[in-house]
Amino acid sequence: MKLQSIEYRFVILTPAMIGGATGRDGSAEMRVASIRGQVRWWHRSAGLTPQCNEVWGQVEPVVIASKVSLSLAASPPLTLMNAPILPHKQSASRNSIAPGQTFSVILRRHVGCDLKQWRAAQHAVKLWLLLGGLGLRVNRAAGSIWPTDDHLLEPEKWVPRDEKELRSTLTELGYSKIVRLIGSEILEHGSLAGENTEGLKLRKAASDTVNGSPKYFGSIQPRRTPSPLKMKVIRLGTDTRLILTGLATEQDFEAARNALGAGKPLGSVAWG
């Protein structure tokens, strides 16, 4: 019996530092395990129902078989590059998948997957494509991805082309949390002049959050605390933008922006 499947194509917008079996010193790889982990995270974060483990499976405390699976379609050889881990400092670099390359991930429905589970799986994959990424420093706009539906017939197209469509699509997918978009004026900030693409400029802006409040941007001392604020480069039509998610209230977003101050690229513009 042929299993029902859906193909989702996406393009890399900023260098993706995806480690493989050889660790940080090896070549970057496009790995389905990395994609699956990200999709599960967005399923849980959005609070989709049925719950994540019911759809994607678990091993503890009891084994639940996955109702769906993910795989990567065959793609041309990777184009790799060395990208700085902290672009605002130009410090150590990591082997990365270069921007501009397109990949396809295939979602398959297994026997026993009911309609609600199948719909939740599709929503989780789409949320990852719109809000997530891949690899190291993904919360600071490295490994940003964006879906493309040019291969689909018009009635099947779903990728948002502008801000209004983006917000509407996120609501339809069950994502009710706050999202903020950074305007194009940030690209004019003097500290970003050395980057040669809008995507790299926005990635550099997203990484330059040192001295911001640990409550919003995380910290490494006295112990490592992850940042709740997630940033990603997206593409709406012909516009390249930076999207922010992860904070609970409007007040949190404003306090985070104020904590950076006007000297930082993100502190110099409104978070709309």
C-alpha atoms as a PDB file:
ATOM      1  CA  MET A   1       0.000   0.000   0.000  1.00  0.00           C
ATOM      2  CA  LYS A   2       1.335   3.421  -0.964  1.00  0.00           C
ATOM      3  CA  LEU A   3       1.506   5.790   1.996  1.00  0.00           C
ATOM      4  CA  GLN A   4       0.042   9.273   1.708  1.00  0.00           C
ATOM      5  CA  SER A   5       2.783  11.887   1.603  1.00  0.00           C
ATOM      6  CA  ILE A   6       3.357  15.626   1.216  1.00  0.00           C
ATOM      7  CA  GLU A   7       6.514  17.313  -0.047  1.00  0.00           C
ATOM      8  CA  TYR A   8       7.632  20.602   1.515  1.00  0.00           C
ATOM      9  CA  ARG A   9      10.383  22.535  -0.219  1.00  0.00           C
ATOM     10  CA  PHE A  10      12.473  25.120   1.565  1.00  0.00           C
ATOM     11  CA  VAL A  11      15.456  27.350   0.904  1.00  0.00           C
ATOM     12  CA  ILE A  12      18.360  28.176   3.227  1.00  0.00           C
ATOM     13  CA  LEU A  13      18.466  31.930   3.896  1.00  0.00           C
ATOM     14  CA  THR A  14      21.433  32.170   6.292  1.00  0.00           C
ATOM     15  CA  PRO A  15      24.386  29.797   6.852  1.00  0.00           C
ATOM     16  CA  ALA A  16      23.221  26.581   8.517  1.00  0.00           C
ATOM     17  CA  MET A  17      25.778  25.117  10.936  1.00  0.00           C
ATOM     18  CA  ILE A  18      24.369  21.586  11.124  1.00  0.00           C
ATOM     19  CA  GLY A  19      26.859  19.208  12.687  1.00  0.00           C
ATOM     20  CA  GLY A  20      27.084  15.597  11.649  1.00  0.00           C
ATOM     21  CA  ALA A  21      28.525  12.427  13.142  1.00  0.00           C
ATOM     22  CA  THR A  22      32.039  13.895  13.191  1.00  0.00           C
ATOM     23  CA  GLY A  23      31.034  16.843  15.383  1.00  0.00           C
ATOM     24  CA  ARG A  24      32.118  20.447  15.147  1.00  0.00           C
ATOM     25  CA  ASP A  25      35.262  19.760  13.139  1.00  0.00           C
ATOM     26  CA  GLY A  26      33.491  17.919  10.326  1.00  0.00           C
ATOM     27  CA  SER A  27      31.494  19.085   7.336  1.00  0.00           C
ATOM     28  CA  ALA A  28      27.991  20.432   7.735  1.00  0.00           C
ATOM     29  CA  GLU A  29      25.206  18.043   6.752  1.00  0.00           C
ATOM     30  CA  MET A  30      21.497  18.289   6.008  1.00  0.00           C
ATOM     31  CA  ARG A  31      20.096  15.780   8.517  1.00  0.00           C
ATOM     32  CA  VAL A  32      16.521  14.588   8.875  1.00  0.00           C
ATOM     33  CA  ALA A  33      17.117  14.024  12.602  1.00  0.00           C
ATOM     34  CA  SER A  34      17.762  17.747  13.028  1.00  0.00           C
ATOM     35  CA  ILE A  35      14.557  18.571  11.165  1.00  0.00           C
ATOM     36  CA  ARG A  36      12.509  16.107  13.189  1.00  0.00           C
ATOM     37  CA  GLY A  37      13.748  17.587  16.468  1.00  0.00           C
ATOM     38  CA  GLN A  38      12.839  21.093  15.353  1.00  0.00           C
ATOM     39  CA  VAL A  39       9.388  20.034  14.149  1.00  0.00           C
ATOM     40  CA  ARG A  40       8.656  18.322  17.463  1.00  0.00           C
ATOM     41  CA  TRP A  41       9.699  21.470  19.341  1.00  0.00           C
ATOM     42  CA  TRP A  42       7.330  23.684  17.367  1.00  0.00           C
ATOM     43  CA  HIS A  43       4.522  21.150  17.788  1.00  0.00           C
ATOM     44  CA  ARG A  44       4.943  21.382  21.567  1.00  0.00           C
ATOM     45  CA  SER A  45       5.504  25.138  21.614  1.00  0.00           C
ATOM     46  CA  ALA A  46       2.293  25.808  19.709  1.00  0.00           C
ATOM     47  CA  GLY A  47       0.346  23.387  21.920  1.00  0.00           C
ATOM     48  CA  LEU A  48      -1.059  21.554  18.918  1.00  0.00           C
ATOM     49  CA  THR A  49      -3.518  18.735  19.489  1.00  0.00           C
ATOM     50  CA  PRO A  50      -3.208  15.807  19.432  1.00  0.00           C
ATOM     51  CA  GLN A  51      -0.109  16.275  21.551  1.00  0.00           C
ATOM     52  CA  CYS A  52       3.410  15.875  20.181  1.00  0.00           C
ATOM     53  CA  ASN A  53       4.219  12.383  21.463  1.00  0.00           C
ATOM     54  CA  GLU A  54       0.930  10.979  20.192  1.00  0.00           C
ATOM     55  CA  VAL A  55       1.827  12.092  16.676  1.00  0.00           C
ATOM     56  CA  TRP A  56       5.634  11.781  16.595  1.00  0.00           C
ATOM     57  CA  GLY A  57       6.050   8.902  19.044  1.00  0.00           C
ATOM     58  CA  GLN A  58       7.987   8.353  22.290  1.00  0.00           C
ATOM     59  CA  VAL A  59      10.025   5.664  24.050  1.00  0.00           C
ATOM     60  CA  GLU A  60       9.380   6.563  27.718  1.00  0.00           C
ATOM     61  CA  PRO A  61       7.556   6.003  29.996  1.00  0.00           C
ATOM     62  CA  VAL A  62       5.721   3.804  27.493  1.00  0.00           C
ATOM     63  CA  VAL A  63       6.513   3.227  23.843  1.00  0.00           C
ATOM     64  CA  ILE A  64       4.248   5.021  21.373  1.00  0.00           C
ATOM     65  CA  ALA A  65       4.862   4.390  17.691  1.00  0.00           C
ATOM     66  CA  SER A  66       5.126   7.457  15.482  1.00  0.00           C
ATOM     67  CA  LYS A  67       2.065   8.028  13.319  1.00  0.00           C
ATOM     68  CA  VAL A  68       4.104   9.878  10.697  1.00  0.00           C
ATOM     69  CA  SER A  69       7.648  10.021   9.409  1.00  0.00           C
ATOM     70  CA  LEU A  70       9.974  12.543   7.784  1.00  0.00           C
ATOM     71  CA  SER A  71      12.571  11.974   5.086  1.00  0.00           C
ATOM     72  CA  LEU A  72      14.730  14.112   2.822  1.00  0.00           C
ATOM     73  CA  ALA A  73      14.356  13.993  -0.932  1.00  0.00           C
ATOM     74  CA  ALA A  74      17.528  13.588  -2.971  1.00  0.00           C
ATOM     75  CA  SER A  75      19.313  16.896  -3.590  1.00  0.00           C
ATOM     76  CA  PRO A  76      22.435  18.088  -5.474  1.00  0.00           C
ATOM     77  CA  PRO A  77      25.801  18.068  -3.653  1.00  0.00           C
ATOM     78  CA  LEU A  78      25.969  20.634  -0.878  1.00  0.00           C
ATOM     79  CA  THR A  79      27.680  23.974  -1.280  1.00  0.00           C
ATOM     80  CA  LEU A  80      29.552  24.590   1.966  1.00  0.00           C
ATOM     81  CA  MET A  81      31.188  27.646   3.515  1.00  0.00           C
ATOM     82  CA  ASN A  82      32.835  28.714   6.743  1.00  0.00           C
ATOM     83  CA  ALA A  83      30.563  31.108   8.634  1.00  0.00           C
ATOM     84  CA  PRO A  84      31.328  32.999  11.850  1.00  0.00           C
ATOM     85  CA  ILE A  85      29.532  31.647  14.907  1.00  0.00           C
ATOM     86  CA  LEU A  86      29.228  35.220  16.215  1.00  0.00           C
ATOM     87  CA  PRO A  87      29.077  37.497  13.155  1.00  0.00           C
ATOM     88  CA  HIS A  88      29.070  40.688  15.252  1.00  0.00           C
ATOM     89  CA  LYS A  89      32.517  39.649  16.539  1.00  0.00           C
ATOM     90  CA  GLN A  90      33.869  37.723  13.518  1.00  0.00           C
ATOM     91  CA  SER A  91      35.236  35.146  15.944  1.00  0.00           C
ATOM     92  CA  ALA A  92      35.486  31.389  15.443  1.00  0.00           C
ATOM     93  CA  SER A  93      33.840  29.929  12.362  1.00  0.00           C
ATOM     94  CA  ARG A  94      31.988  26.697  11.646  1.00  0.00           C
ATOM     95  CA  ASN A  95      31.514  24.731   8.449  1.00  0.00           C
ATOM     96  CA  SER A  96      28.017  25.551   7.181  1.00  0.00           C
ATOM     97  CA  ILE A  97      25.529  24.943   4.401  1.00  0.00           C
ATOM     98  CA  ALA A  98      25.638  28.092   2.284  1.00  0.00           C
ATOM     99  CA  PRO A  99      22.492  30.174   1.706  1.00  0.00           C
ATOM    100  CA  GLY A 100      20.508  29.833  -1.505  1.00  0.00           C
ATOM    101  CA  GLN A 101      20.222  26.040  -1.618  1.00  0.00           C
ATOM    102  CA  THR A 102      16.822  24.362  -1.817  1.00  0.00           C
ATOM    103  CA  PHE A 103      15.821  21.096  -0.139  1.00  0.00           C
ATOM    104  CA  SER A 104      12.676  19.007   0.167  1.00  0.00           C
ATOM    105  CA  VAL A 105      11.396  17.236   3.253  1.00  0.00           C
ATOM    106  CA  ILE A 106       8.690  14.601   2.818  1.00  0.00           C
ATOM    107  CA  LEU A 107       6.032  13.962   5.463  1.00  0.00           C
ATOM    108  CA  ARG A 108       4.466  10.483   5.276  1.00  0.00           C
ATOM    109  CA  ARG A 109       1.295   9.251   6.929  1.00  0.00           C
ATOM    110  CA  HIS A 110       1.566   5.807   8.497  1.00  0.00           C
ATOM    111  CA  VAL A 111      -1.150   3.196   8.835  1.00  0.00           C
ATOM    112  CA  GLY A 112      -3.211   4.050  11.930  1.00  0.00           C
ATOM    113  CA  CYS A 113      -2.671   7.804  11.673  1.00  0.00           C
ATOM    114  CA  ASP A 114      -6.089   9.408  12.000  1.00  0.00           C
ATOM    115  CA  LEU A 115      -7.162  12.660  10.382  1.00  0.00           C
ATOM    116  CA  LYS A 116      -6.508  14.805  13.485  1.00  0.00           C
ATOM    117  CA  GLN A 117      -2.994  13.404  13.897  1.00  0.00           C
ATOM    118  CA  TRP A 118      -2.243  13.883  10.203  1.00  0.00           C
ATOM    119  CA  ARG A 119      -3.463  17.485  10.286  1.00  0.00           C
ATOM    120  CA  ALA A 120      -1.423  18.243  13.427  1.00  0.00           C
ATOM    121  CA  ALA A 121       1.707  16.821  11.781  1.00  0.00           C
ATOM    122  CA  GLN A 122       1.213  19.055   8.733  1.00  0.00           C
ATOM    123  CA  HIS A 123       0.688  22.099  10.950  1.00  0.00           C
ATOM    124  CA  ALA A 124       3.851  21.329  12.937  1.00  0.00           C
ATOM    125  CA  VAL A 125       5.970  21.052   9.784  1.00  0.00           C
ATOM    126  CA  LYS A 126       4.583  24.325   8.433  1.00  0.00           C
ATOM    127  CA  LEU A 127       5.195  26.111  11.746  1.00  0.00           C
ATOM    128  CA  TRP A 128       8.797  24.932  11.708  1.00  0.00           C
ATOM    129  CA  LEU A 129       9.201  26.180   8.132  1.00  0.00           C
ATOM    130  CA  LEU A 130       7.752  29.595   9.001  1.00  0.00           C
ATOM    131  CA  LEU A 131       9.241  30.140  12.470  1.00  0.00           C
ATOM    132  CA  GLY A 132      12.105  27.671  12.919  1.00  0.00           C
ATOM    133  CA  GLY A 133      15.476  26.832  11.467  1.00  0.00           C
ATOM    134  CA  LEU A 134      18.356  24.369  11.608  1.00  0.00           C
ATOM    135  CA  GLY A 135      21.688  24.046  13.366  1.00  0.00           C
ATOM    136  CA  LEU A 136      23.850  26.016  15.757  1.00  0.00           C
ATOM    137  CA  ARG A 137      22.741  29.538  16.795  1.00  0.00           C
ATOM    138  CA  VAL A 138      19.322  28.958  15.281  1.00  0.00           C
ATOM    139  CA  ASN A 139      17.728  31.274  17.870  1.00  0.00           C
ATOM    140  CA  ARG A 140      19.961  34.064  16.605  1.00  0.00           C
ATOM    141  CA  ALA A 141      18.946  33.749  12.945  1.00  0.00           C
ATOM    142  CA  ALA A 142      21.617  31.289  11.801  1.00  0.00           C
ATOM    143  CA  GLY A 143      20.197  28.388   9.798  1.00  0.00           C
ATOM    144  CA  SER A 144      17.119  30.388   8.817  1.00  0.00           C
ATOM    145  CA  ILE A 145      14.917  28.620   6.287  1.00  0.00           C
ATOM    146  CA  TRP A 146      11.852  29.598   4.315  1.00  0.00           C
ATOM    147  CA  PRO A 147       9.275  27.448   2.501  1.00  0.00           C
ATOM    148  CA  THR A 148       8.703  27.704  -1.232  1.00  0.00           C
ATOM    149  CA  ASP A 149       5.550  26.530  -2.982  1.00  0.00           C
ATOM    150  CA  ASP A 150       6.360  27.468  -6.573  1.00  0.00           C
ATOM    151  CA  HIS A 151       6.055  23.798  -7.541  1.00  0.00           C
ATOM    152  CA  LEU A 152       2.424  23.647  -6.394  1.00  0.00           C
ATOM    153  CA  LEU A 153      -0.754  24.452  -8.310  1.00  0.00           C
ATOM    154  CA  GLU A 154      -2.415  27.731  -7.351  1.00  0.00           C
ATOM    155  CA  PRO A 155      -5.130  26.256  -5.063  1.00  0.00           C
ATOM    156  CA  GLU A 156      -2.439  24.408  -3.084  1.00  0.00           C
ATOM    157  CA  LYS A 157      -0.116  27.376  -2.494  1.00  0.00           C
ATOM    158  CA  TRP A 158       0.136  28.278   1.173  1.00  0.00           C
ATOM    159  CA  VAL A 159       3.349  30.267   1.751  1.00  0.00           C
ATOM    160  CA  PRO A 160       2.533  33.819   2.971  1.00  0.00           C
ATOM    161  CA  ARG A 161       3.651  36.673   0.719  1.00  0.00           C
ATOM    162  CA  ASP A 162       3.197  39.593   3.120  1.00  0.00           C
ATOM    163  CA  GLU A 163       2.795  40.358   6.812  1.00  0.00           C
ATOM    164  CA  LYS A 164      -1.000  40.099   6.764  1.00  0.00           C
ATOM    165  CA  GLU A 165      -0.881  36.668   5.143  1.00  0.00           C
ATOM    166  CA  LEU A 166       1.833  35.548   7.586  1.00  0.00           C
ATOM    167  CA  ARG A 167      -0.226  36.422  10.650  1.00  0.00           C
ATOM    168  CA  SER A 168      -3.333  34.839   9.147  1.00  0.00           C
ATOM    169  CA  THR A 169      -1.445  31.645   8.255  1.00  0.00           C
ATOM    170  CA  LEU A 170       0.050  31.327  11.751  1.00  0.00           C
ATOM    171  CA  THR A 171      -3.424  31.647  13.255  1.00  0.00           C
ATOM    172  CA  GLU A 172      -4.784  28.986  10.905  1.00  0.00           C
ATOM    173  CA  LEU A 173      -1.947  26.671  11.940  1.00  0.00           C
ATOM    174  CA  GLY A 174      -2.835  27.058  15.633  1.00  0.00           C
ATOM    175  CA  TYR A 175      -0.022  29.407  16.672  1.00  0.00           C
ATOM    176  CA  SER A 176      -1.521  31.953  19.045  1.00  0.00           C
ATOM    177  CA  LYS A 177       1.623  33.436  20.595  1.00  0.00           C
ATOM    178  CA  ILE A 178       2.996  36.917  19.910  1.00  0.00           C
ATOM    179  CA  VAL A 179       5.199  37.500  16.861  1.00  0.00           C
ATOM    180  CA  ARG A 180       7.012  40.706  15.984  1.00  0.00           C
ATOM    181  CA  LEU A 181       8.564  41.777  12.670  1.00  0.00           C
ATOM    182  CA  ILE A 182      11.517  44.135  12.296  1.00  0.00           C
ATOM    183  CA  GLY A 183      11.221  46.786   9.587  1.00  0.00           C
ATOM    184  CA  SER A 184      13.685  47.181   6.734  1.00  0.00           C
ATOM    185  CA  GLU A 185      15.156  50.340   8.299  1.00  0.00           C
ATOM    186  CA  ILE A 186      17.383  48.168  10.479  1.00  0.00           C
ATOM    187  CA  LEU A 187      19.398  47.309   7.359  1.00  0.00           C
ATOM    188  CA  GLU A 188      20.751  50.875   7.349  1.00  0.00           C
ATOM    189  CA  HIS A 189      22.390  50.557  10.770  1.00  0.00           C
ATOM    190  CA  GLY A 190      26.078  51.400  10.468  1.00  0.00           C
ATOM    191  CA  SER A 191      27.316  48.249  12.208  1.00  0.00           C
ATOM    192  CA  LEU A 192      25.793  46.073   9.471  1.00  0.00           C
ATOM    193  CA  ALA A 193      27.492  47.777   6.532  1.00  0.00           C
ATOM    194  CA  GLY A 194      30.127  45.059   6.141  1.00  0.00           C
ATOM    195  CA  GLU A 195      27.626  42.319   5.232  1.00  0.00           C
ATOM    196  CA  ASN A 196      26.822  41.904   1.536  1.00  0.00           C
ATOM    197  CA  THR A 197      23.259  40.482   1.718  1.00  0.00           C
ATOM    198  CA  GLU A 198      20.145  41.459   3.632  1.00  0.00           C
ATOM    199  CA  GLY A 199      19.978  37.994   5.192  1.00  0.00           C
ATOM    200  CA  LEU A 200      23.512  38.243   6.578  1.00  0.00           C
ATOM    201  CA  LYS A 201      22.860  41.770   7.843  1.00  0.00           C
ATOM    202  CA  LEU A 202      19.803  40.601   9.741  1.00  0.00           C
ATOM    203  CA  ARG A 203      21.657  37.596  11.124  1.00  0.00           C
ATOM    204  CA  LYS A 204      24.397  39.907  12.400  1.00  0.00           C
ATOM    205  CA  ALA A 205      21.786  42.202  13.981  1.00  0.00           C
ATOM    206  CA  ALA A 206      20.157  39.228  15.703  1.00  0.00           C
ATOM    207  CA  SER A 207      23.469  38.052  17.156  1.00  0.00           C
ATOM    208  CA  ASP A 208      24.445  41.456  18.577  1.00  0.00           C
ATOM    209  CA  THR A 209      22.568  41.288  21.887  1.00  0.00           C
ATOM    210  CA  VAL A 210      25.444  41.358  24.377  1.00  0.00           C
ATOM    211  CA  ASN A 211      24.587  43.404  27.498  1.00  0.00           C
ATOM    212  CA  GLY A 212      20.888  42.876  26.935  1.00  0.00           C
ATOM    213  CA  SER A 213      18.858  41.614  29.893  1.00  0.00           C
ATOM    214  CA  PRO A 214      19.550  37.901  30.632  1.00  0.00           C
ATOM    215  CA  LYS A 215      15.807  37.531  31.253  1.00  0.00           C
ATOM    216  CA  TYR A 216      15.214  38.005  27.540  1.00  0.00           C
ATOM    217  CA  PHE A 217      18.543  37.228  25.874  1.00  0.00           C
ATOM    218  CA  GLY A 218      19.997  34.486  28.083  1.00  0.00           C
ATOM    219  CA  SER A 219      23.463  34.423  29.645  1.00  0.00           C
ATOM    220  CA  ILE A 220      26.585  32.306  30.041  1.00  0.00           C
ATOM    221  CA  GLN A 221      27.442  33.344  33.614  1.00  0.00           C
ATOM    222  CA  PRO A 222      27.120  32.319  36.392  1.00  0.00           C
ATOM    223  CA  ARG A 223      25.536  29.449  34.463  1.00  0.00           C
ATOM    224  CA  ARG A 224      24.386  29.080  30.892  1.00  0.00           C
ATOM    225  CA  THR A 225      20.782  30.197  30.507  1.00  0.00           C
ATOM    226  CA  PRO A 226      19.113  29.863  27.101  1.00  0.00           C
ATOM    227  CA  SER A 227      17.471  32.872  25.532  1.00  0.00           C
ATOM    228  CA  PRO A 228      13.670  32.687  25.359  1.00  0.00           C
ATOM    229  CA  LEU A 229      13.683  35.188  22.487  1.00  0.00           C
ATOM    230  CA  LYS A 230      13.947  33.494  19.091  1.00  0.00           C
ATOM    231  CA  MET A 231      14.892  35.364  15.931  1.00  0.00           C
ATOM    232  CA  LYS A 232      14.792  34.239  12.339  1.00  0.00           C
ATOM    233  CA  VAL A 233      15.302  35.681   8.875  1.00  0.00           C
ATOM    234  CA  ILE A 234      12.223  35.234   6.685  1.00  0.00           C
ATOM    235  CA  ARG A 235      11.196  36.185   3.157  1.00  0.00           C
ATOM    236  CA  LEU A 236       7.836  37.824   2.468  1.00  0.00           C
ATOM    237  CA  GLY A 237       7.504  38.205  -1.274  1.00  0.00           C
ATOM    238  CA  THR A 238      10.664  40.088  -2.256  1.00  0.00           C
ATOM    239  CA  ASP A 239      11.252  41.494   1.246  1.00  0.00           C
ATOM    240  CA  THR A 240      13.750  39.970   3.671  1.00  0.00           C
ATOM    241  CA  ARG A 241      12.676  40.523   7.272  1.00  0.00           C
ATOM    242  CA  LEU A 242      13.556  39.456  10.800  1.00  0.00           C
ATOM    243  CA  ILE A 243      10.838  37.797  12.868  1.00  0.00           C
ATOM    244  CA  LEU A 244      10.878  37.527  16.677  1.00  0.00           C
ATOM    245  CA  THR A 245       8.978  35.039  18.825  1.00  0.00           C
ATOM    246  CA  GLY A 246       9.209  33.452  22.254  1.00  0.00           C
ATOM    247  CA  LEU A 247       8.322  36.212  24.740  1.00  0.00           C
ATOM    248  CA  ALA A 248       5.060  36.024  26.637  1.00  0.00           C
ATOM    249  CA  THR A 249       3.713  39.589  26.659  1.00  0.00           C
ATOM    250  CA  GLU A 250       3.826  42.869  24.770  1.00  0.00           C
ATOM    251  CA  GLN A 251       5.595  44.340  27.804  1.00  0.00           C
ATOM    252  CA  ASP A 252       8.329  41.694  27.548  1.00  0.00           C
ATOM    253  CA  PHE A 253       9.024  42.604  23.921  1.00  0.00           C
ATOM    254  CA  GLU A 254       9.230  46.313  24.721  1.00  0.00           C
ATOM    255  CA  ALA A 255      11.441  45.696  27.758  1.00  0.00           C
ATOM    256  CA  ALA A 256      13.772  43.513  25.682  1.00  0.00           C
ATOM    257  CA  ARG A 257      14.113  46.193  23.019  1.00  0.00           C
ATOM    258  CA  ASN A 258      14.759  48.896  25.617  1.00  0.00           C
ATOM    259  CA  ALA A 259      17.369  46.717  27.332  1.00  0.00           C
ATOM    260  CA  LEU A 260      19.488  46.731  24.175  1.00  0.00           C
ATOM    261  CA  GLY A 261      19.519  50.474  23.732  1.00  0.00           C
ATOM    262  CA  ALA A 262      19.791  52.491  20.528  1.00  0.00           C
ATOM    263  CA  GLY A 263      23.448  51.536  20.032  1.00  0.00           C
ATOM    264  CA  LYS A 264      22.493  48.005  19.027  1.00  0.00           C
ATOM    265  CA  PRO A 265      20.816  47.406  15.658  1.00  0.00           C
ATOM    266  CA  LEU A 266      17.780  45.777  17.263  1.00  0.00           C
ATOM    267  CA  GLY A 267      17.505  48.498  19.869  1.00  0.00           C
ATOM    268  CA  SER A 268      17.466  51.248  17.252  1.00  0.00           C
ATOM    269  CA  VAL A 269      14.209  50.266  15.532  1.00  0.00           C
ATOM    270  CA  ALA A 270      10.616  49.520  16.480  1.00  0.00           C
ATOM    271  CA  TRP A 271       9.507  45.919  16.880  1.00  0.00           C
ATOM    272  CA  GLY A 272       6.253  45.982  14.924  1.00  0.00           C
END
